[in-house]
Amino acid sequence: MPLVVLDLVLGYLLGSIPFGLIIGRLFKGVDVRKYGSGKTGATNVMRTAGVLPGILVLVGDLGKGWISVFLAKVISQGDERVVAGAALLCMIGHNWPVFARFRGGRGVTTYFGGLLALSWIGAAIGGLATVATIALTRYVSLGSLVGSLGSAGVMAYLVRHGNLPLAYFVYASIGVIMLVVLHRDNIKRLAAGRERKLGQRVELQQSSQKNSEGSHA
């Protein structure tokens, strides 16, 4: 039991590392949560601080999802439920980080980081669907939703016809539900044709209040 608790706590604390907030301050000296979508994800950092900071946040958020699973596998000796739980807690930590007053991102990249460590096939197919959708529409939020939903479908197939444990599909299912709920404002803007497209920048001279036309994180 102590090891289970350790795995879950480590997962949450890793997720709570606010790479977007840290890198935004290092590169631009700003709190990215005061601009654009008000989130700490790579897309908002890219729009607020630039392409390189956005890429660094992407790598950091992806990495912490992967590391949370790796550590959980080592500590729990491969207990599938504990591993899936640690991945989910990492995603929760990213969205509600204890180190950033519980104001983080939406968890897409961290979700895929955890998924990559659980099933590279599910992560790869979901990632390709994300990239393809973004390339066709230039809507990052739409690509994130399509890719994550697709990855959950792949995980369902792999559990039924492959050898993946059910706990991994549970992670994907809960993770996708969380992503859809946290993207509800993006979904409304997509339906109204007001969602920001990839490449649109946020002027730092604007009001520190969150722009009503945000991005995914």
N, C-alpha and C. Protein backbone atom coordinates (compact mmCIF):
# COMPACT_ATOMS: atom_id res chain seq x y z
N MET A 1 0.81 -1.22 0.00
CA MET A 1 0.00 0.00 0.00
C MET A 1 0.85 1.28 0.00
N PRO A 2 1.92 1.37 0.83
CA PRO A 2 2.75 2.58 0.77
C PRO A 2 3.33 2.83 -0.62
N LEU A 3 3.69 1.76 -1.34
CA LEU A 3 4.24 1.93 -2.68
C LEU A 3 3.18 2.42 -3.65
N VAL A 4 1.95 1.96 -3.47
CA VAL A 4 0.85 2.43 -4.32
C VAL A 4 0.65 3.92 -4.12
N VAL A 5 0.62 4.34 -2.87
CA VAL A 5 0.45 5.76 -2.56
C VAL A 5 1.61 6.58 -3.14
N LEU A 6 2.83 6.05 -3.01
CA LEU A 6 4.00 6.73 -3.54
C LEU A 6 3.87 6.92 -5.04
N ASP A 7 3.47 5.88 -5.75
CA ASP A 7 3.29 5.97 -7.20
C ASP A 7 2.30 7.06 -7.58
N LEU A 8 1.17 7.08 -6.90
CA LEU A 8 0.12 8.03 -7.23
C LEU A 8 0.54 9.46 -6.89
N VAL A 9 1.18 9.63 -5.75
CA VAL A 9 1.64 10.96 -5.36
C VAL A 9 2.71 11.46 -6.32
N LEU A 10 3.65 10.59 -6.69
CA LEU A 10 4.68 10.98 -7.65
C LEU A 10 4.07 11.38 -8.99
N GLY A 11 3.05 10.62 -9.42
CA GLY A 11 2.37 10.95 -10.66
C GLY A 11 1.77 12.34 -10.61
N TYR A 12 1.08 12.65 -9.53
CA TYR A 12 0.46 13.97 -9.40
C TYR A 12 1.50 15.08 -9.32
N LEU A 13 2.56 14.87 -8.56
CA LEU A 13 3.59 15.90 -8.40
C LEU A 13 4.34 16.14 -9.71
N LEU A 14 4.62 15.08 -10.45
CA LEU A 14 5.26 15.25 -11.76
C LEU A 14 4.35 16.05 -12.68
N GLY A 15 3.07 15.70 -12.68
CA GLY A 15 2.13 16.45 -13.51
C GLY A 15 2.02 17.91 -13.12
N SER A 16 2.25 18.19 -11.85
CA SER A 16 2.11 19.55 -11.34
C SER A 16 3.27 20.47 -11.72
N ILE A 17 4.34 19.93 -12.27
CA ILE A 17 5.44 20.79 -12.71
C ILE A 17 4.94 21.67 -13.85
N PRO A 18 4.84 22.98 -13.65
CA PRO A 18 4.21 23.86 -14.64
C PRO A 18 5.20 24.36 -15.69
N PHE A 19 5.57 23.49 -16.62
CA PHE A 19 6.55 23.88 -17.62
C PHE A 19 6.12 25.13 -18.39
N GLY A 20 4.85 25.22 -18.72
CA GLY A 20 4.37 26.39 -19.46
C GLY A 20 4.58 27.68 -18.69
N LEU A 21 4.28 27.65 -17.41
CA LEU A 21 4.45 28.84 -16.58
C LEU A 21 5.92 29.19 -16.42
N ILE A 22 6.75 28.18 -16.18
CA ILE A 22 8.19 28.40 -16.00
C ILE A 22 8.83 28.95 -17.26
N ILE A 23 8.56 28.32 -18.39
CA ILE A 23 9.18 28.73 -19.65
C ILE A 23 8.65 30.08 -20.13
N GLY A 24 7.39 30.35 -19.88
CA GLY A 24 6.84 31.66 -20.23
C GLY A 24 7.53 32.78 -19.47
N ARG A 25 7.82 32.52 -18.20
CA ARG A 25 8.52 33.53 -17.40
C ARG A 25 9.98 33.67 -17.85
N LEU A 26 10.63 32.55 -18.16
CA LEU A 26 12.03 32.59 -18.57
C LEU A 26 12.22 33.33 -19.90
N PHE A 27 11.35 33.09 -20.84
CA PHE A 27 11.53 33.64 -22.18
C PHE A 27 10.93 35.04 -22.34
N LYS A 28 9.78 35.28 -21.70
CA LYS A 28 9.09 36.56 -21.89
C LYS A 28 8.82 37.31 -20.60
N GLY A 29 9.10 36.68 -19.48
CA GLY A 29 8.86 37.35 -18.20
C GLY A 29 7.39 37.56 -17.91
N VAL A 30 6.54 36.67 -18.43
CA VAL A 30 5.10 36.84 -18.23
C VAL A 30 4.48 35.56 -17.68
N ASP A 31 3.32 35.73 -17.10
CA ASP A 31 2.49 34.61 -16.69
C ASP A 31 1.55 34.31 -17.85
N VAL A 32 1.79 33.22 -18.56
CA VAL A 32 1.01 32.93 -19.76
C VAL A 32 -0.47 32.73 -19.46
N ARG A 33 -0.81 32.50 -18.20
CA ARG A 33 -2.20 32.31 -17.84
C ARG A 33 -2.99 33.61 -17.91
N LYS A 34 -2.31 34.73 -18.08
CA LYS A 34 -2.98 36.03 -18.19
C LYS A 34 -3.27 36.40 -19.64
N TYR A 35 -2.92 35.52 -20.56
CA TYR A 35 -3.08 35.81 -21.98
C TYR A 35 -3.73 34.64 -22.71
N GLY A 36 -4.27 34.94 -23.88
CA GLY A 36 -4.83 33.88 -24.72
C GLY A 36 -5.89 33.07 -24.02
N SER A 37 -5.67 31.77 -23.96
CA SER A 37 -6.64 30.87 -23.34
C SER A 37 -6.56 30.88 -21.82
N GLY A 38 -5.47 31.43 -21.28
CA GLY A 38 -5.28 31.40 -19.83
C GLY A 38 -4.76 30.07 -19.34
N LYS A 39 -4.29 29.22 -20.26
CA LYS A 39 -3.78 27.90 -19.90
C LYS A 39 -2.27 27.85 -20.05
N THR A 40 -1.67 26.79 -19.50
CA THR A 40 -0.20 26.68 -19.51
C THR A 40 0.31 25.70 -20.55
N GLY A 41 -0.56 25.25 -21.45
CA GLY A 41 -0.15 24.28 -22.45
C GLY A 41 0.71 24.87 -23.56
N ALA A 42 1.24 23.98 -24.39
CA ALA A 42 2.19 24.38 -25.43
C ALA A 42 1.60 25.37 -26.43
N THR A 43 0.33 25.19 -26.79
CA THR A 43 -0.27 26.08 -27.79
C THR A 43 -0.35 27.51 -27.29
N ASN A 44 -0.81 27.70 -26.07
CA ASN A 44 -0.90 29.06 -25.54
C ASN A 44 0.48 29.66 -25.33
N VAL A 45 1.45 28.85 -24.91
CA VAL A 45 2.82 29.34 -24.76
C VAL A 45 3.39 29.74 -26.11
N MET A 46 3.12 28.95 -27.14
CA MET A 46 3.60 29.27 -28.48
C MET A 46 3.02 30.60 -28.97
N ARG A 47 1.75 30.81 -28.73
CA ARG A 47 1.11 32.05 -29.15
C ARG A 47 1.59 33.24 -28.33
N THR A 48 1.93 33.00 -27.09
CA THR A 48 2.30 34.08 -26.19
C THR A 48 3.79 34.37 -26.21
N ALA A 49 4.63 33.32 -26.20
CA ALA A 49 6.08 33.50 -26.05
C ALA A 49 6.88 33.11 -27.28
N GLY A 50 6.29 32.38 -28.22
CA GLY A 50 7.02 32.02 -29.43
C GLY A 50 7.10 30.52 -29.66
N VAL A 51 7.63 30.16 -30.83
CA VAL A 51 7.66 28.76 -31.25
C VAL A 51 8.59 27.92 -30.37
N LEU A 52 9.82 28.39 -30.15
CA LEU A 52 10.77 27.61 -29.34
C LEU A 52 10.25 27.35 -27.94
N PRO A 53 9.76 28.35 -27.21
CA PRO A 53 9.19 28.08 -25.89
C PRO A 53 8.04 27.07 -25.96
N GLY A 54 7.22 27.18 -27.00
CA GLY A 54 6.11 26.25 -27.15
C GLY A 54 6.59 24.83 -27.34
N ILE A 55 7.64 24.65 -28.13
CA ILE A 55 8.20 23.31 -28.35
C ILE A 55 8.78 22.75 -27.05
N LEU A 56 9.47 23.60 -26.30
CA LEU A 56 10.04 23.15 -25.02
C LEU A 56 8.95 22.70 -24.05
N VAL A 57 7.85 23.43 -24.03
CA VAL A 57 6.73 23.04 -23.16
C VAL A 57 6.12 21.73 -23.65
N LEU A 58 6.01 21.58 -24.95
CA LEU A 58 5.48 20.34 -25.53
C LEU A 58 6.32 19.14 -25.08
N VAL A 59 7.63 19.27 -25.17
CA VAL A 59 8.53 18.19 -24.77
C VAL A 59 8.42 17.92 -23.26
N GLY A 60 8.39 19.00 -22.47
CA GLY A 60 8.30 18.84 -21.01
C GLY A 60 7.01 18.17 -20.57
N ASP A 61 5.88 18.60 -21.16
CA ASP A 61 4.59 18.04 -20.77
C ASP A 61 4.45 16.59 -21.25
N LEU A 62 5.00 16.31 -22.43
CA LEU A 62 4.99 14.93 -22.92
C LEU A 62 5.87 14.05 -22.04
N GLY A 63 7.04 14.58 -21.68
CA GLY A 63 7.99 13.83 -20.88
C GLY A 63 7.48 13.48 -19.50
N LYS A 64 6.79 14.40 -18.85
CA LYS A 64 6.34 14.10 -17.49
C LYS A 64 5.25 13.02 -17.49
N GLY A 65 4.45 12.97 -18.55
CA GLY A 65 3.48 11.90 -18.66
C GLY A 65 4.16 10.55 -18.82
N TRP A 66 5.18 10.51 -19.65
CA TRP A 66 5.92 9.26 -19.89
C TRP A 66 6.67 8.83 -18.64
N ILE A 67 7.33 9.76 -17.98
CA ILE A 67 8.13 9.44 -16.79
C ILE A 67 7.24 8.93 -15.66
N SER A 68 6.04 9.50 -15.52
CA SER A 68 5.15 9.05 -14.45
C SER A 68 4.81 7.57 -14.60
N VAL A 69 4.62 7.14 -15.84
CA VAL A 69 4.32 5.73 -16.09
C VAL A 69 5.56 4.87 -15.87
N PHE A 70 6.69 5.35 -16.35
CA PHE A 70 7.94 4.60 -16.19
C PHE A 70 8.24 4.36 -14.71
N LEU A 71 8.15 5.39 -13.90
CA LEU A 71 8.44 5.26 -12.47
C LEU A 71 7.43 4.33 -11.80
N ALA A 72 6.17 4.46 -12.19
CA ALA A 72 5.13 3.62 -11.59
C ALA A 72 5.37 2.15 -11.92
N LYS A 73 5.82 1.87 -13.14
CA LYS A 73 6.11 0.48 -13.51
C LYS A 73 7.25 -0.08 -12.67
N VAL A 74 8.26 0.74 -12.43
CA VAL A 74 9.42 0.29 -11.66
C VAL A 74 9.05 0.08 -10.19
N ILE A 75 8.39 1.07 -9.61
CA ILE A 75 8.09 1.02 -8.17
C ILE A 75 7.05 -0.05 -7.85
N SER A 76 6.02 -0.16 -8.68
CA SER A 76 4.93 -1.12 -8.41
C SER A 76 5.20 -2.48 -9.01
N GLN A 77 6.34 -2.62 -9.67
CA GLN A 77 6.71 -3.88 -10.32
C GLN A 77 5.67 -4.28 -11.37
N GLY A 78 5.20 -3.27 -12.09
CA GLY A 78 4.32 -3.52 -13.22
C GLY A 78 2.86 -3.70 -12.91
N ASP A 79 2.41 -3.32 -11.72
CA ASP A 79 0.99 -3.41 -11.39
C ASP A 79 0.20 -2.51 -12.34
N GLU A 80 -0.64 -3.12 -13.18
CA GLU A 80 -1.30 -2.39 -14.27
C GLU A 80 -2.22 -1.28 -13.76
N ARG A 81 -2.96 -1.55 -12.71
CA ARG A 81 -3.89 -0.55 -12.19
C ARG A 81 -3.15 0.63 -11.57
N VAL A 82 -2.07 0.34 -10.88
CA VAL A 82 -1.27 1.41 -10.28
C VAL A 82 -0.63 2.26 -11.37
N VAL A 83 -0.12 1.62 -12.40
CA VAL A 83 0.52 2.34 -13.51
C VAL A 83 -0.48 3.26 -14.20
N ALA A 84 -1.66 2.73 -14.49
CA ALA A 84 -2.70 3.54 -15.13
C ALA A 84 -3.14 4.68 -14.21
N GLY A 85 -3.23 4.39 -12.92
CA GLY A 85 -3.61 5.42 -11.96
C GLY A 85 -2.59 6.54 -11.88
N ALA A 86 -1.30 6.19 -11.91
CA ALA A 86 -0.24 7.19 -11.87
C ALA A 86 -0.29 8.08 -13.11
N ALA A 87 -0.56 7.48 -14.27
CA ALA A 87 -0.68 8.26 -15.51
C ALA A 87 -1.84 9.24 -15.42
N LEU A 88 -2.95 8.78 -14.88
CA LEU A 88 -4.12 9.65 -14.74
C LEU A 88 -3.86 10.77 -13.74
N LEU A 89 -3.20 10.44 -12.62
CA LEU A 89 -2.88 11.47 -11.63
C LEU A 89 -1.91 12.49 -12.19
N CYS A 90 -1.03 12.07 -13.08
CA CYS A 90 -0.12 13.02 -13.72
C CYS A 90 -0.90 14.01 -14.57
N MET A 91 -1.87 13.51 -15.29
CA MET A 91 -2.72 14.38 -16.11
C MET A 91 -3.52 15.35 -15.23
N ILE A 92 -4.04 14.84 -14.12
CA ILE A 92 -4.77 15.69 -13.18
C ILE A 92 -3.85 16.76 -12.60
N GLY A 93 -2.61 16.36 -12.28
CA GLY A 93 -1.64 17.33 -11.76
C GLY A 93 -1.35 18.43 -12.77
N HIS A 94 -1.27 18.07 -14.06
CA HIS A 94 -1.03 19.08 -15.08
C HIS A 94 -2.19 20.08 -15.14
N ASN A 95 -3.39 19.57 -15.05
CA ASN A 95 -4.57 20.44 -15.17
C ASN A 95 -4.81 21.27 -13.91
N TRP A 96 -4.53 20.68 -12.76
CA TRP A 96 -4.72 21.38 -11.48
C TRP A 96 -3.46 21.23 -10.64
N PRO A 97 -2.38 21.96 -11.01
CA PRO A 97 -1.07 21.78 -10.38
C PRO A 97 -0.96 22.43 -9.01
N VAL A 98 -0.47 21.66 -8.05
CA VAL A 98 -0.30 22.18 -6.71
C VAL A 98 0.77 23.28 -6.68
N PHE A 99 1.72 23.25 -7.62
CA PHE A 99 2.79 24.23 -7.64
C PHE A 99 2.41 25.53 -8.36
N ALA A 100 1.21 25.60 -8.88
CA ALA A 100 0.79 26.80 -9.62
C ALA A 100 -0.64 27.19 -9.26
N ARG A 101 -0.96 27.03 -7.98
CA ARG A 101 -2.26 27.42 -7.45
C ARG A 101 -3.41 26.76 -8.19
N PHE A 102 -3.19 25.54 -8.64
CA PHE A 102 -4.20 24.69 -9.26
C PHE A 102 -4.77 25.27 -10.56
N ARG A 103 -3.95 26.07 -11.23
CA ARG A 103 -4.34 26.64 -12.53
C ARG A 103 -3.32 26.21 -13.57
N GLY A 104 -3.66 25.18 -14.33
CA GLY A 104 -2.73 24.64 -15.31
C GLY A 104 -3.27 24.62 -16.73
N GLY A 105 -3.18 23.47 -17.36
CA GLY A 105 -3.59 23.37 -18.75
C GLY A 105 -4.80 22.47 -18.92
N ARG A 106 -4.91 21.89 -20.12
CA ARG A 106 -6.02 20.99 -20.39
C ARG A 106 -5.57 19.54 -20.47
N GLY A 107 -4.28 19.30 -20.56
CA GLY A 107 -3.76 17.96 -20.39
C GLY A 107 -3.57 17.11 -21.62
N VAL A 108 -3.71 17.69 -22.82
CA VAL A 108 -3.61 16.88 -24.04
C VAL A 108 -2.22 16.25 -24.18
N THR A 109 -1.18 17.06 -24.10
CA THR A 109 0.17 16.54 -24.30
C THR A 109 0.56 15.56 -23.19
N THR A 110 0.18 15.87 -21.96
CA THR A 110 0.48 14.97 -20.85
C THR A 110 -0.27 13.65 -21.00
N TYR A 111 -1.51 13.73 -21.51
CA TYR A 111 -2.27 12.51 -21.78
C TYR A 111 -1.53 11.63 -22.78
N PHE A 112 -1.05 12.23 -23.86
CA PHE A 112 -0.34 11.45 -24.87
C PHE A 112 1.02 10.95 -24.36
N GLY A 113 1.64 11.70 -23.44
CA GLY A 113 2.88 11.24 -22.85
C GLY A 113 2.68 9.97 -22.04
N GLY A 114 1.62 9.95 -21.24
CA GLY A 114 1.29 8.75 -20.48
C GLY A 114 0.90 7.60 -21.39
N LEU A 115 0.13 7.91 -22.43
CA LEU A 115 -0.31 6.89 -23.37
C LEU A 115 0.87 6.28 -24.12
N LEU A 116 1.85 7.12 -24.45
CA LEU A 116 3.03 6.63 -25.16
C LEU A 116 3.75 5.55 -24.37
N ALA A 117 3.79 5.72 -23.05
CA ALA A 117 4.45 4.72 -22.20
C ALA A 117 3.59 3.49 -21.98
N LEU A 118 2.29 3.62 -22.17
CA LEU A 118 1.38 2.48 -22.00
C LEU A 118 1.23 1.68 -23.29
N SER A 119 1.11 2.40 -24.41
CA SER A 119 0.94 1.75 -25.72
C SER A 119 1.40 2.72 -26.81
N TRP A 120 2.58 2.46 -27.36
CA TRP A 120 3.08 3.36 -28.39
C TRP A 120 2.20 3.32 -29.63
N ILE A 121 1.51 2.20 -29.87
CA ILE A 121 0.62 2.11 -31.03
C ILE A 121 -0.57 3.06 -30.86
N GLY A 122 -1.20 3.02 -29.69
CA GLY A 122 -2.32 3.91 -29.42
C GLY A 122 -1.91 5.37 -29.50
N ALA A 123 -0.73 5.68 -28.93
CA ALA A 123 -0.23 7.06 -28.96
C ALA A 123 0.11 7.49 -30.38
N ALA A 124 0.72 6.59 -31.16
CA ALA A 124 1.14 6.93 -32.52
C ALA A 124 -0.06 7.20 -33.42
N ILE A 125 -1.06 6.33 -33.37
CA ILE A 125 -2.24 6.51 -34.22
C ILE A 125 -3.02 7.76 -33.79
N GLY A 126 -3.17 7.95 -32.48
CA GLY A 126 -3.84 9.16 -32.00
C GLY A 126 -3.07 10.41 -32.35
N GLY A 127 -1.73 10.33 -32.25
CA GLY A 127 -0.90 11.48 -32.60
C GLY A 127 -0.98 11.82 -34.07
N LEU A 128 -0.97 10.80 -34.92
CA LEU A 128 -1.08 11.03 -36.37
C LEU A 128 -2.43 11.67 -36.71
N ALA A 129 -3.50 11.20 -36.05
CA ALA A 129 -4.82 11.79 -36.28
C ALA A 129 -4.85 13.25 -35.84
N THR A 130 -4.16 13.54 -34.74
CA THR A 130 -4.07 14.93 -34.26
C THR A 130 -3.36 15.81 -35.27
N VAL A 131 -2.19 15.37 -35.71
CA VAL A 131 -1.38 16.16 -36.64
C VAL A 131 -2.13 16.35 -37.97
N ALA A 132 -2.74 15.28 -38.47
CA ALA A 132 -3.46 15.37 -39.74
C ALA A 132 -4.63 16.36 -39.66
N THR A 133 -5.36 16.32 -38.56
CA THR A 133 -6.50 17.22 -38.39
C THR A 133 -6.04 18.67 -38.29
N ILE A 134 -4.96 18.89 -37.55
CA ILE A 134 -4.43 20.25 -37.43
C ILE A 134 -3.93 20.75 -38.78
N ALA A 135 -3.25 19.88 -39.54
CA ALA A 135 -2.72 20.26 -40.85
C ALA A 135 -3.85 20.64 -41.80
N LEU A 136 -4.97 19.95 -41.71
CA LEU A 136 -6.10 20.19 -42.61
C LEU A 136 -6.92 21.41 -42.19
N THR A 137 -7.06 21.62 -40.89
CA THR A 137 -7.97 22.67 -40.41
C THR A 137 -7.28 23.84 -39.74
N ARG A 138 -6.06 23.63 -39.23
CA ARG A 138 -5.29 24.60 -38.45
C ARG A 138 -5.94 24.88 -37.09
N TYR A 139 -6.84 24.01 -36.68
CA TYR A 139 -7.42 24.13 -35.34
C TYR A 139 -6.75 23.10 -34.43
N VAL A 140 -5.94 23.58 -33.49
CA VAL A 140 -5.25 22.68 -32.58
C VAL A 140 -6.24 21.97 -31.65
N SER A 141 -7.24 22.69 -31.20
CA SER A 141 -8.22 22.09 -30.29
C SER A 141 -8.97 20.95 -30.98
N LEU A 142 -9.36 21.16 -32.22
CA LEU A 142 -10.08 20.11 -32.96
C LEU A 142 -9.17 18.90 -33.17
N GLY A 143 -7.92 19.15 -33.54
CA GLY A 143 -6.98 18.06 -33.72
C GLY A 143 -6.77 17.28 -32.43
N SER A 144 -6.70 17.98 -31.31
CA SER A 144 -6.51 17.32 -30.02
C SER A 144 -7.69 16.43 -29.68
N LEU A 145 -8.89 16.92 -29.94
CA LEU A 145 -10.08 16.13 -29.65
C LEU A 145 -10.19 14.91 -30.56
N VAL A 146 -9.96 15.11 -31.84
CA VAL A 146 -10.03 14.00 -32.79
C VAL A 146 -8.97 12.94 -32.45
N GLY A 147 -7.75 13.40 -32.19
CA GLY A 147 -6.67 12.47 -31.90
C GLY A 147 -6.87 11.70 -30.62
N SER A 148 -7.31 12.38 -29.57
CA SER A 148 -7.51 11.69 -28.30
C SER A 148 -8.67 10.70 -28.37
N LEU A 149 -9.75 11.08 -29.04
CA LEU A 149 -10.87 10.15 -29.21
C LEU A 149 -10.44 8.94 -30.03
N GLY A 150 -9.65 9.21 -31.07
CA GLY A 150 -9.15 8.11 -31.89
C GLY A 150 -8.25 7.18 -31.09
N SER A 151 -7.42 7.75 -30.23
CA SER A 151 -6.52 6.91 -29.43
C SER A 151 -7.30 6.02 -28.47
N ALA A 152 -8.39 6.54 -27.91
CA ALA A 152 -9.22 5.73 -27.02
C ALA A 152 -9.85 4.57 -27.79
N GLY A 153 -10.25 4.83 -29.04
CA GLY A 153 -10.80 3.76 -29.87
C GLY A 153 -9.77 2.69 -30.16
N VAL A 154 -8.54 3.12 -30.43
CA VAL A 154 -7.46 2.16 -30.67
C VAL A 154 -7.19 1.33 -29.42
N MET A 155 -7.19 1.97 -28.28
CA MET A 155 -6.95 1.25 -27.03
C MET A 155 -8.05 0.22 -26.77
N ALA A 156 -9.29 0.57 -27.09
CA ALA A 156 -10.38 -0.38 -26.93
C ALA A 156 -10.15 -1.61 -27.81
N TYR A 157 -9.72 -1.38 -29.03
CA TYR A 157 -9.44 -2.49 -29.95
C TYR A 157 -8.29 -3.36 -29.43
N LEU A 158 -7.23 -2.70 -28.95
CA LEU A 158 -6.06 -3.45 -28.49
C LEU A 158 -6.36 -4.26 -27.23
N VAL A 159 -7.24 -3.74 -26.39
CA VAL A 159 -7.63 -4.50 -25.20
C VAL A 159 -8.46 -5.72 -25.59
N ARG A 160 -9.34 -5.53 -26.55
CA ARG A 160 -10.23 -6.63 -26.94
C ARG A 160 -9.52 -7.68 -27.80
N HIS A 161 -8.67 -7.23 -28.71
CA HIS A 161 -8.06 -8.16 -29.66
C HIS A 161 -6.55 -8.35 -29.46
N GLY A 162 -5.97 -7.57 -28.60
CA GLY A 162 -4.55 -7.69 -28.34
C GLY A 162 -4.30 -8.21 -26.94
N ASN A 163 -3.22 -7.72 -26.33
CA ASN A 163 -2.89 -8.21 -24.99
C ASN A 163 -2.74 -7.06 -23.99
N LEU A 164 -3.35 -5.92 -24.29
CA LEU A 164 -3.26 -4.80 -23.36
C LEU A 164 -4.24 -5.00 -22.19
N PRO A 165 -3.85 -4.59 -21.00
CA PRO A 165 -4.75 -4.72 -19.84
C PRO A 165 -5.90 -3.72 -19.90
N LEU A 166 -7.00 -4.09 -19.32
CA LEU A 166 -8.19 -3.23 -19.30
C LEU A 166 -7.90 -1.90 -18.63
N ALA A 167 -7.02 -1.90 -17.62
CA ALA A 167 -6.70 -0.67 -16.89
C ALA A 167 -6.17 0.42 -17.82
N TYR A 168 -5.47 0.04 -18.86
CA TYR A 168 -4.92 1.02 -19.80
C TYR A 168 -6.03 1.69 -20.61
N PHE A 169 -7.05 0.91 -20.97
CA PHE A 169 -8.21 1.49 -21.66
C PHE A 169 -8.99 2.41 -20.72
N VAL A 170 -9.07 2.03 -19.46
CA VAL A 170 -9.75 2.88 -18.47
C VAL A 170 -9.05 4.24 -18.39
N TYR A 171 -7.70 4.22 -18.39
CA TYR A 171 -6.94 5.48 -18.40
C TYR A 171 -7.30 6.31 -19.61
N ALA A 172 -7.30 5.69 -20.78
CA ALA A 172 -7.60 6.42 -22.01
C ALA A 172 -9.02 6.98 -21.98
N SER A 173 -9.97 6.20 -21.49
CA SER A 173 -11.36 6.63 -21.46
C SER A 173 -11.57 7.82 -20.53
N ILE A 174 -11.05 7.70 -19.30
CA ILE A 174 -11.21 8.80 -18.34
C ILE A 174 -10.45 10.03 -18.82
N GLY A 175 -9.26 9.80 -19.39
CA GLY A 175 -8.47 10.91 -19.90
C GLY A 175 -9.20 11.67 -21.00
N VAL A 176 -9.82 10.95 -21.93
CA VAL A 176 -10.53 11.58 -23.03
C VAL A 176 -11.76 12.33 -22.52
N ILE A 177 -12.47 11.74 -21.58
CA ILE A 177 -13.63 12.43 -21.01
C ILE A 177 -13.19 13.75 -20.38
N MET A 178 -12.08 13.71 -19.66
CA MET A 178 -11.54 14.92 -19.04
C MET A 178 -11.19 15.96 -20.10
N LEU A 179 -10.57 15.51 -21.19
CA LEU A 179 -10.18 16.43 -22.26
C LEU A 179 -11.39 17.08 -22.91
N VAL A 180 -12.41 16.29 -23.17
CA VAL A 180 -13.62 16.84 -23.79
C VAL A 180 -14.27 17.88 -22.88
N VAL A 181 -14.37 17.57 -21.60
CA VAL A 181 -14.98 18.51 -20.65
C VAL A 181 -14.17 19.81 -20.58
N LEU A 182 -12.84 19.70 -20.54
CA LEU A 182 -12.00 20.88 -20.43
C LEU A 182 -11.90 21.65 -21.75
N HIS A 183 -12.35 21.05 -22.84
CA HIS A 183 -12.37 21.73 -24.14
C HIS A 183 -13.76 22.24 -24.50
N ARG A 184 -14.68 22.26 -23.55
CA ARG A 184 -16.04 22.65 -23.88
C ARG A 184 -16.13 24.08 -24.41
N ASP A 185 -15.26 25.00 -23.93
CA ASP A 185 -15.27 26.36 -24.46
C ASP A 185 -14.75 26.38 -25.89
N ASN A 186 -13.73 25.54 -26.17
CA ASN A 186 -13.21 25.45 -27.53
C ASN A 186 -14.27 24.89 -28.48
N ILE A 187 -15.02 23.90 -28.00
CA ILE A 187 -16.07 23.30 -28.82
C ILE A 187 -17.13 24.33 -29.18
N LYS A 188 -17.48 25.16 -28.23
CA LYS A 188 -18.46 26.23 -28.50
C LYS A 188 -17.93 27.21 -29.53
N ARG A 189 -16.63 27.57 -29.43
CA ARG A 189 -16.06 28.52 -30.39
C ARG A 189 -15.91 27.88 -31.76
N LEU A 190 -15.58 26.59 -31.80
CA LEU A 190 -15.50 25.90 -33.08
C LEU A 190 -16.86 25.91 -33.78
N ALA A 191 -17.90 25.66 -33.02
CA ALA A 191 -19.25 25.65 -33.59
C ALA A 191 -19.67 27.04 -34.08
N ALA A 192 -19.16 28.07 -33.40
CA ALA A 192 -19.51 29.44 -33.77
C ALA A 192 -18.55 30.04 -34.78
N GLY A 193 -17.47 29.30 -35.14
CA GLY A 193 -16.48 29.81 -36.08
C GLY A 193 -15.58 30.88 -35.51
N ARG A 194 -15.37 30.87 -34.20
CA ARG A 194 -14.57 31.91 -33.55
C ARG A 194 -13.29 31.38 -32.90
N GLU A 195 -12.97 30.11 -33.13
CA GLU A 195 -11.78 29.53 -32.52
C GLU A 195 -10.51 30.04 -33.21
N ARG A 196 -9.49 30.29 -32.43
CA ARG A 196 -8.20 30.71 -32.99
C ARG A 196 -7.58 29.57 -33.78
N LYS A 197 -6.89 29.92 -34.85
CA LYS A 197 -6.18 28.92 -35.64
C LYS A 197 -4.70 28.92 -35.30
N LEU A 198 -4.04 27.84 -35.65
CA LEU A 198 -2.61 27.71 -35.40
C LEU A 198 -1.88 28.83 -36.13
N GLY A 199 -0.97 29.49 -35.43
CA GLY A 199 -0.19 30.57 -36.03
C GLY A 199 -0.63 31.95 -35.60
N GLN A 200 -1.83 32.07 -35.06
CA GLN A 200 -2.29 33.36 -34.56
C GLN A 200 -1.60 33.67 -33.24
N ARG A 201 -0.97 34.83 -33.17
CA ARG A 201 -0.22 35.21 -31.98
C ARG A 201 -1.08 36.03 -31.03
N VAL A 202 -0.66 36.08 -29.78
CA VAL A 202 -1.30 36.90 -28.76
C VAL A 202 -0.36 38.04 -28.43
N GLU A 203 -0.85 39.27 -28.51
CA GLU A 203 -0.04 40.43 -28.18
C GLU A 203 0.06 40.58 -26.67
N LEU A 204 1.31 40.66 -26.18
CA LEU A 204 1.51 40.77 -24.74
C LEU A 204 1.10 42.13 -24.20
N GLN A 205 0.92 43.10 -25.08
CA GLN A 205 0.52 44.44 -24.64
C GLN A 205 -0.97 44.50 -24.35
N GLN A 206 -1.69 43.44 -24.72
CA GLN A 206 -3.13 43.46 -24.50
C GLN A 206 -3.43 43.34 -23.01
N SER A 207 -4.70 43.48 -22.68
CA SER A 207 -5.13 43.36 -21.30
C SER A 207 -4.71 42.01 -20.73
N SER A 208 -4.40 41.98 -19.45
CA SER A 208 -3.99 40.75 -18.81
C SER A 208 -5.17 39.79 -18.60
N GLN A 209 -6.38 40.25 -18.89
CA GLN A 209 -7.50 39.36 -18.78
C GLN A 209 -7.45 38.34 -19.90
N LYS A 210 -8.00 37.17 -19.64
CA LYS A 210 -8.00 36.13 -20.65
C LYS A 210 -8.81 36.55 -21.86
N ASN A 211 -8.24 36.31 -23.04
CA ASN A 211 -8.94 36.58 -24.28
C ASN A 211 -10.10 35.60 -24.42
N SER A 212 -11.24 36.08 -24.86
CA SER A 212 -12.40 35.22 -24.97
C SER A 212 -12.24 34.16 -26.04
N GLU A 213 -11.29 34.36 -26.97
CA GLU A 213 -11.05 33.38 -28.00
C GLU A 213 -9.75 32.66 -27.70
N GLY A 214 -9.82 31.66 -26.84
CA GLY A 214 -8.62 30.98 -26.38
C GLY A 214 -8.18 29.88 -27.28
N SER A 215 -7.23 29.15 -26.77
CA SER A 215 -6.69 28.01 -27.50
C SER A 215 -6.71 26.80 -26.60
N HIS A 216 -6.37 25.62 -27.13
CA HIS A 216 -6.28 24.43 -26.30
C HIS A 216 -4.96 24.44 -25.55
N ALA A 217 -4.86 23.64 -24.51
CA ALA A 217 -3.61 23.50 -23.80
C ALA A 217 -3.41 22.09 -23.36
